[in-house]
Protein backbone atom coordinates (compact mmCIF):
# COMPACT_ATOMS: atom_id res chain seq x y z
CA MET A 1 -26.94 7.03 13.82
CA LEU A 2 -23.99 5.39 12.21
CA GLN A 3 -23.10 1.48 13.15
CA ILE A 4 -19.49 1.50 13.84
CA GLY A 5 -17.12 -1.62 13.77
CA VAL A 6 -13.39 -1.72 14.72
CA ILE A 7 -10.97 -4.13 13.51
CA ASN A 8 -7.84 -4.57 15.95
CA ASN A 9 -4.90 -6.35 14.76
CA LEU A 10 -3.13 -7.13 18.03
CA ARG A 11 0.11 -8.08 16.34
CA ALA A 12 0.37 -5.06 13.84
CA GLY A 13 3.54 -3.55 15.75
CA ASN A 14 1.57 -2.46 18.64
CA SER A 15 2.94 -2.18 22.04
CA GLY A 16 1.19 -4.19 24.97
CA ASP A 17 0.46 -0.61 26.65
CA GLN A 18 -1.19 0.56 23.36
CA VAL A 19 -3.22 -2.52 22.94
CA ARG A 20 -4.43 -2.09 26.44
CA ARG A 21 -5.31 1.65 26.22
CA THR A 22 -7.25 1.09 22.83
CA LEU A 23 -9.33 -1.82 24.28
CA GLU A 24 -10.07 0.60 27.41
CA LEU A 25 -11.27 3.32 25.05
CA LEU A 26 -13.39 0.86 23.21
CA ARG A 27 -15.00 -0.51 26.40
CA ALA A 28 -16.07 3.27 27.13
CA HIS A 29 -18.03 2.97 23.83
CA PRO A 30 -20.25 -0.06 24.19
CA GLU A 31 -22.18 0.91 21.22
CA VAL A 32 -19.17 0.18 18.87
CA LEU A 33 -18.79 -3.34 17.60
CA HIS A 34 -15.14 -4.78 17.76
CA VAL A 35 -12.97 -7.56 16.95
CA GLU A 36 -9.41 -8.61 17.68
CA THR A 37 -7.52 -10.59 15.18
CA ASP A 38 -3.77 -11.83 15.52
CA CYS A 39 -3.36 -12.97 11.87
CA ALA A 40 -4.62 -12.38 8.33
CA GLY A 41 -6.38 -15.58 8.15
CA ALA A 42 -8.87 -14.24 10.87
CA LEU A 43 -9.89 -11.22 8.76
CA PRO A 44 -12.47 -12.90 6.59
CA GLU A 45 -14.73 -14.19 9.38
CA ALA A 46 -14.37 -10.94 11.25
CA ILE A 47 -15.40 -8.86 8.42
CA ALA A 48 -18.20 -10.98 7.38
CA ASP A 49 -19.58 -10.96 11.02
CA LEU A 50 -19.39 -7.09 10.90
CA ALA A 51 -20.84 -7.11 7.58
CA ARG A 52 -23.95 -9.07 9.00
CA ARG A 53 -24.33 -6.48 11.60
CA GLU A 54 -24.65 -3.93 8.85
CA ILE A 55 -21.90 -1.57 9.96
CA ASP A 56 -21.65 1.77 8.03
CA LEU A 57 -18.07 2.60 9.51
CA LEU A 58 -15.06 0.21 9.65
CA ILE A 59 -12.14 1.57 11.73
CA VAL A 60 -8.90 -0.61 11.12
CA ASN A 61 -6.40 -0.57 13.53
CA GLY A 62 -3.31 -2.01 12.06
CA GLY A 63 -0.86 -1.42 9.25
CA ASP A 64 -0.74 -1.53 5.30
CA GLY A 65 -0.86 -5.19 5.41
CA THR A 66 -4.02 -5.28 7.63
CA LEU A 67 -5.56 -2.66 5.46
CA GLN A 68 -4.72 -4.39 2.21
CA HIS A 69 -6.36 -7.48 3.54
CA THR A 70 -9.44 -5.62 4.80
CA LEU A 71 -9.98 -4.12 1.39
CA THR A 72 -9.58 -7.24 -0.46
CA GLU A 73 -12.28 -8.83 1.55
CA ILE A 74 -14.62 -5.99 1.21
CA LEU A 75 -14.18 -5.45 -2.57
CA ARG A 76 -13.64 -9.01 -3.68
CA GLU A 77 -16.01 -10.89 -1.49
CA ASP A 78 -18.56 -7.96 -1.32
CA PRO A 79 -19.90 -8.99 2.02
CA PHE A 80 -21.83 -5.50 2.38
CA GLU A 81 -24.82 -4.42 0.89
CA ARG A 82 -22.62 -1.43 -0.04
CA PRO A 83 -19.00 -0.66 1.03
CA PRO A 84 -18.62 0.79 4.46
CA LEU A 85 -16.60 4.09 5.19
CA VAL A 86 -13.03 2.93 6.17
CA ALA A 87 -10.98 4.48 8.53
CA PRO A 88 -7.46 3.26 8.76
CA LEU A 89 -5.48 3.98 11.94
CA ARG A 90 -1.60 4.20 11.91
CA GLY A 91 -1.29 1.25 14.16
CA GLY A 92 1.21 -1.02 12.25
CA ARG A 93 4.70 -0.88 11.59
CA THR A 94 4.09 0.50 8.05
CA ASN A 95 1.30 2.87 7.67
CA THR A 96 1.80 4.48 4.07
CA SER A 97 -1.69 4.40 3.16
CA ALA A 98 -3.26 5.84 6.38
CA LEU A 99 -0.54 8.58 6.30
CA ASP A 100 -1.16 9.40 2.71
CA ILE A 101 -5.05 9.49 3.64
CA GLY A 102 -4.07 12.01 6.37
CA SER A 103 -4.68 10.00 9.58
CA GLN A 104 -2.61 11.48 12.57
CA ARG A 105 0.35 9.52 13.91
CA ASP A 106 -1.06 8.40 17.15
CA PRO A 107 -3.64 5.51 16.31
CA LEU A 108 -5.39 6.05 19.72
CA LYS A 109 -5.87 9.86 19.22
CA GLY A 110 -7.10 9.07 15.79
CA LEU A 111 -9.72 6.33 17.09
CA ASP A 112 -10.97 8.80 19.50
CA ALA A 113 -11.19 11.47 16.79
CA VAL A 114 -13.18 9.21 14.71
CA LEU A 115 -15.44 8.22 17.38
CA ARG A 116 -16.21 11.97 18.30
CA ALA A 117 -16.74 13.14 14.54
CA ALA A 118 -19.22 10.23 14.14
CA ARG A 119 -21.03 11.50 17.40
CA ASP A 120 -21.15 15.13 16.70
CA GLY A 121 -21.83 14.90 12.98
CA SER A 122 -18.57 16.22 11.68
CA LEU A 123 -17.52 13.02 9.87
CA GLU A 124 -18.02 14.46 6.66
CA ARG A 125 -15.21 16.88 6.91
CA ARG A 126 -12.92 13.69 7.22
CA LEU A 127 -13.91 12.01 4.12
CA VAL A 128 -11.49 11.20 1.33
CA ARG A 129 -12.61 9.23 -1.77
CA ARG A 130 -9.95 7.20 -3.42
CA PRO A 131 -9.45 4.54 -6.28
CA VAL A 132 -8.08 1.27 -4.95
CA LEU A 133 -5.96 -1.11 -7.28
CA ARG A 134 -7.08 -4.16 -8.34
CA ILE A 135 -4.31 -6.80 -8.69
CA GLU A 136 -4.96 -9.78 -10.77
CA TYR A 137 -2.41 -12.59 -11.37
CA ASP A 138 -1.79 -16.17 -11.63
CA GLY A 139 -3.73 -16.21 -14.81
CA GLY A 140 -6.45 -14.20 -13.51
CA ARG A 141 -7.48 -16.67 -11.31
CA ARG A 142 -6.30 -14.63 -8.01
CA THR A 143 -7.25 -11.10 -7.08
CA GLU A 144 -6.07 -8.81 -4.31
CA PHE A 145 -6.93 -5.20 -3.52
CA GLY A 146 -4.61 -2.75 -2.24
CA MET A 147 -2.96 0.95 -2.67
CA PHE A 148 0.66 -0.26 -3.92
CA PHE A 149 2.10 -2.97 -6.28
CA GLY A 150 5.94 -3.19 -6.65
CA ALA A 151 8.26 -5.62 -8.24
CA GLY A 152 12.13 -5.57 -8.74
CA VAL A 153 14.24 -4.10 -6.28
CA ILE A 154 11.23 -2.93 -4.20
CA ARG A 155 10.17 -6.52 -3.44
CA ARG A 156 13.93 -7.52 -2.69
CA ALA A 157 14.61 -4.63 -0.55
CA ILE A 158 11.31 -5.41 1.68
CA SER A 159 12.46 -8.93 2.08
CA VAL A 160 15.97 -7.60 3.04
CA VAL A 161 14.38 -5.21 5.64
CA HIS A 162 12.45 -8.00 7.23
CA GLU A 163 15.51 -9.98 7.72
CA ALA A 164 17.79 -7.25 9.01
CA PHE A 165 15.59 -5.49 11.30
CA PRO A 166 13.68 -6.82 14.45
CA ALA A 167 10.09 -7.30 14.25
CA GLY A 168 9.14 -4.08 15.54
CA ARG A 169 8.54 -0.50 14.17
CA SER A 170 11.99 -0.59 12.61
CA ARG A 171 10.58 -2.76 9.96
CA GLY A 172 8.48 0.03 9.05
CA ALA A 173 9.11 3.53 7.44
CA LEU A 174 12.67 3.58 9.32
CA GLY A 175 13.84 0.53 7.80
CA ALA A 176 12.27 1.15 4.38
CA GLY A 177 13.81 4.78 4.25
CA LEU A 178 17.30 3.43 5.68
CA MET A 179 17.33 0.80 3.09
CA THR A 180 16.35 3.31 0.24
CA LEU A 181 19.24 5.55 1.08
CA GLY A 182 21.54 2.41 1.06
CA LEU A 183 20.32 1.55 -2.39
CA ILE A 184 21.09 4.86 -3.74
CA ALA A 185 24.67 4.71 -2.51
CA LYS A 186 25.03 1.16 -3.82
CA THR A 187 23.47 2.07 -7.12
CA ALA A 188 26.15 4.85 -7.86
CA LEU A 189 28.97 2.23 -7.26
CA ARG A 190 27.65 -1.21 -8.48
CA PRO A 191 24.34 -0.39 -10.34
CA ARG A 192 23.81 -4.29 -11.47
CA GLU A 193 24.94 -6.23 -8.50
CA GLY A 194 23.03 -8.22 -5.96
CA ILE A 195 19.75 -6.64 -4.97
CA LEU A 196 19.97 -4.23 -7.67
CA GLN A 197 20.22 -6.93 -10.56
CA PRO A 198 17.47 -6.22 -12.89
CA ASP A 199 14.69 -8.58 -13.38
CA LYS A 200 13.21 -9.90 -16.60
CA MET A 201 10.03 -8.25 -17.26
CA GLN A 202 7.66 -6.76 -19.72
CA VAL A 203 5.40 -4.07 -19.47
CA ARG A 204 2.47 -2.90 -21.01
CA LEU A 205 0.69 0.48 -20.12
CA ASP A 206 -2.88 0.98 -21.58
CA GLY A 207 -1.84 -1.86 -24.28
CA SER A 208 1.20 -0.17 -25.34
CA PRO A 209 4.56 -1.85 -24.48
CA LEU A 210 7.52 -0.26 -22.94
CA ALA A 211 10.92 -0.91 -24.66
CA GLY A 212 13.32 -3.26 -22.99
CA GLY A 213 12.89 -6.52 -21.23
CA GLU A 214 14.82 -6.02 -18.01
CA TYR A 215 13.76 -3.52 -15.31
CA ARG A 216 15.32 -2.61 -11.97
CA LEU A 217 12.05 -1.39 -10.49
CA ALA A 218 8.57 -1.45 -11.47
CA MET A 219 5.70 0.33 -9.30
CA SER A 220 2.02 1.04 -9.60
CA THR A 221 -0.18 2.79 -7.00
CA THR A 222 -3.28 5.10 -6.39
CA LEU A 223 -1.29 6.57 -3.41
CA ASP A 224 -0.19 10.31 -3.72
CA ARG A 225 3.00 9.76 -1.72
CA LEU A 226 4.90 6.92 0.09
CA PHE A 227 6.81 6.66 3.16
CA TRP A 228 8.71 9.60 4.24
CA ARG A 229 6.64 11.46 2.09
CA LEU A 230 8.26 10.27 -0.98
CA ARG A 231 6.74 10.78 -4.47
CA PRO A 232 8.49 8.85 -7.30
CA PHE A 233 6.16 9.48 -10.01
CA TRP A 234 5.46 12.34 -12.28
CA GLY A 235 2.96 11.46 -14.80
CA ARG A 236 0.41 14.12 -15.81
CA GLU A 237 -2.22 11.93 -17.54
CA ALA A 238 -5.74 11.95 -16.08
CA ALA A 239 -5.93 8.49 -14.92
CA PRO A 240 -5.99 6.64 -11.55
CA VAL A 241 -3.05 4.21 -11.72
CA ARG A 242 0.39 6.03 -11.04
CA VAL A 243 3.15 3.70 -12.69
CA THR A 244 6.94 4.40 -12.53
CA CYS A 245 9.49 1.81 -14.20
CA ILE A 246 13.20 1.98 -14.30
CA SER A 247 14.73 -0.17 -16.99
CA GLY A 248 18.03 -2.23 -16.52
CA ALA A 249 19.61 -0.13 -19.00
CA ALA A 250 18.84 3.32 -17.30
CA ARG A 251 22.05 4.99 -16.62
CA HIS A 252 23.18 7.40 -13.76
CA VAL A 253 20.38 5.82 -11.41
CA GLY A 254 22.22 6.98 -8.25
CA ARG A 255 22.55 10.44 -9.64
CA ALA A 256 18.82 10.66 -10.77
CA ALA A 257 17.37 9.07 -7.64
CA PRO A 258 16.93 12.22 -5.57
CA GLY A 259 15.02 14.12 -8.23
CA ILE A 260 12.83 10.74 -8.93
CA LEU A 261 12.10 10.34 -5.29
CA ALA A 262 10.71 14.03 -5.18
CA GLY A 263 8.64 13.74 -8.13
CA ARG A 264 10.86 16.28 -9.78
CA PRO A 265 13.22 14.44 -12.00
CA SER A 266 15.86 16.10 -14.11
CA ALA A 267 15.63 16.71 -17.68
CA ARG A 268 17.76 13.52 -18.45
CA VAL A 269 15.19 11.41 -16.89
CA THR A 270 13.12 10.23 -20.05
CA PRO A 271 11.57 7.07 -21.65
CA ASP A 272 14.59 7.13 -24.01
CA ASN A 273 16.81 7.01 -21.19
CA GLY A 274 15.01 4.22 -19.39
CA TYR A 275 12.77 6.03 -16.97
CA THR A 276 8.98 6.03 -17.46
CA SER A 277 6.26 7.34 -15.18
CA ARG A 278 2.49 7.57 -16.44
CA ASN A 279 -0.82 7.79 -15.17
CA VAL A 280 -2.82 4.99 -16.79
CA GLU A 281 -6.06 3.02 -16.62
CA ARG A 282 -4.29 -0.42 -16.97
CA ALA A 283 -0.82 -1.66 -16.26
CA GLU A 284 0.36 -5.15 -17.10
CA PHE A 285 3.84 -6.69 -15.93
CA ARG A 286 4.79 -10.11 -17.25
CA LEU A 287 7.36 -11.35 -14.92
CA GLY A 288 8.48 -14.54 -13.22
CA CYS A 289 9.62 -13.09 -9.90
CA GLY A 290 7.54 -12.21 -6.98
CA PHE A 291 6.08 -8.86 -6.17
CA THR A 292 4.82 -6.96 -3.01
CA ILE A 293 1.30 -5.46 -2.37
CA ASP A 294 1.07 -2.82 0.45
CA GLY A 295 4.30 -4.26 2.08
CA GLU A 296 2.97 -7.93 1.90
CA LEU A 297 5.38 -10.28 -0.22
CA TYR A 298 3.61 -12.51 -2.82
CA SER A 299 5.14 -15.19 -5.30
CA GLN A 300 4.37 -15.60 -8.95
CA PRO A 301 3.87 -19.47 -9.42
CA ARG A 302 5.23 -19.14 -13.00
CA GLU A 303 6.07 -16.51 -15.58
CA ASP A 304 2.84 -14.67 -15.93
CA VAL A 305 1.08 -11.37 -16.08
CA ALA A 306 0.05 -9.22 -13.26
CA THR A 307 -2.29 -6.63 -14.03
CA THR A 308 -3.26 -3.53 -12.09
CA THR A 309 -6.40 -1.50 -12.59
CA ALA A 310 -8.38 0.83 -10.47
CA ASP A 311 -12.13 0.30 -11.18
CA ARG A 312 -13.23 0.41 -7.61
CA ARG A 313 -13.35 3.26 -5.05
CA ILE A 314 -13.68 3.47 -1.39
CA THR A 315 -14.38 6.70 0.91
CA PHE A 316 -11.75 6.60 3.70
CA VAL A 317 -11.89 8.57 6.78
CA ARG A 318 -8.98 10.45 8.08
CA ALA A 319 -8.32 9.44 11.77
């Protein structure tokens, strides 16, 4: 019999009614351990407590940020004898990782489906094993785990979305999608102004440097697709870390963007023209600007290297 634990982020974009119905469902399953958190700072002790209780399956009811902090606690701190199965629900403002893994839209239905599968022995059909990004920065003194790393316009766009949209679900996929469309339009008219201004950055992929010292965009991920089912990477190498970079010298970005976002770039989208997409084992970004991990904003205390690798794997459960 699987020992099941649930982490509920009560502030991850859930309505009061959804929180109430989630807690009612969990009360109907007294064998399931569950903890409620209202901030990232509460996660370490919550996860340590569930590890002491030797849970086998951890259900995460929150968004990308909640899942990212949870993965970091599991993989960086190693509180479990072996990592549990992780079932991310789509219970936050942004749920890119849960969507990519295949969890259904309604987090309450997803929770019920996982509990039923654990009870009737059909959980194995829902398992999805994935590599997880390890992000090391601040001279290697700090480590985070997650599914997506972004710098340049991505980081600034997320900051703008947080300022422009209310603290509800419009900050999630809707806000990100609208911002993406707006940036494509702006790129066609003013490709180097404001939020689109390139950042000074040096990039090395598996030890080889990319040409150019300014980039509009740099991303690294182990996801197959992003919000709105976008897939802005087209590398074919057999390696776990997908990397896409657009240099500050790249031309006609607005015209190239639709094909890039679909993972089907035009013939002009080449490294010689400032566009690179490869699958690698290790990506290094020397930058002095901030970056994002799964929608959470991080600052770089000084110009330094942020490194992404994917040496750890988690078995996820489609909820």
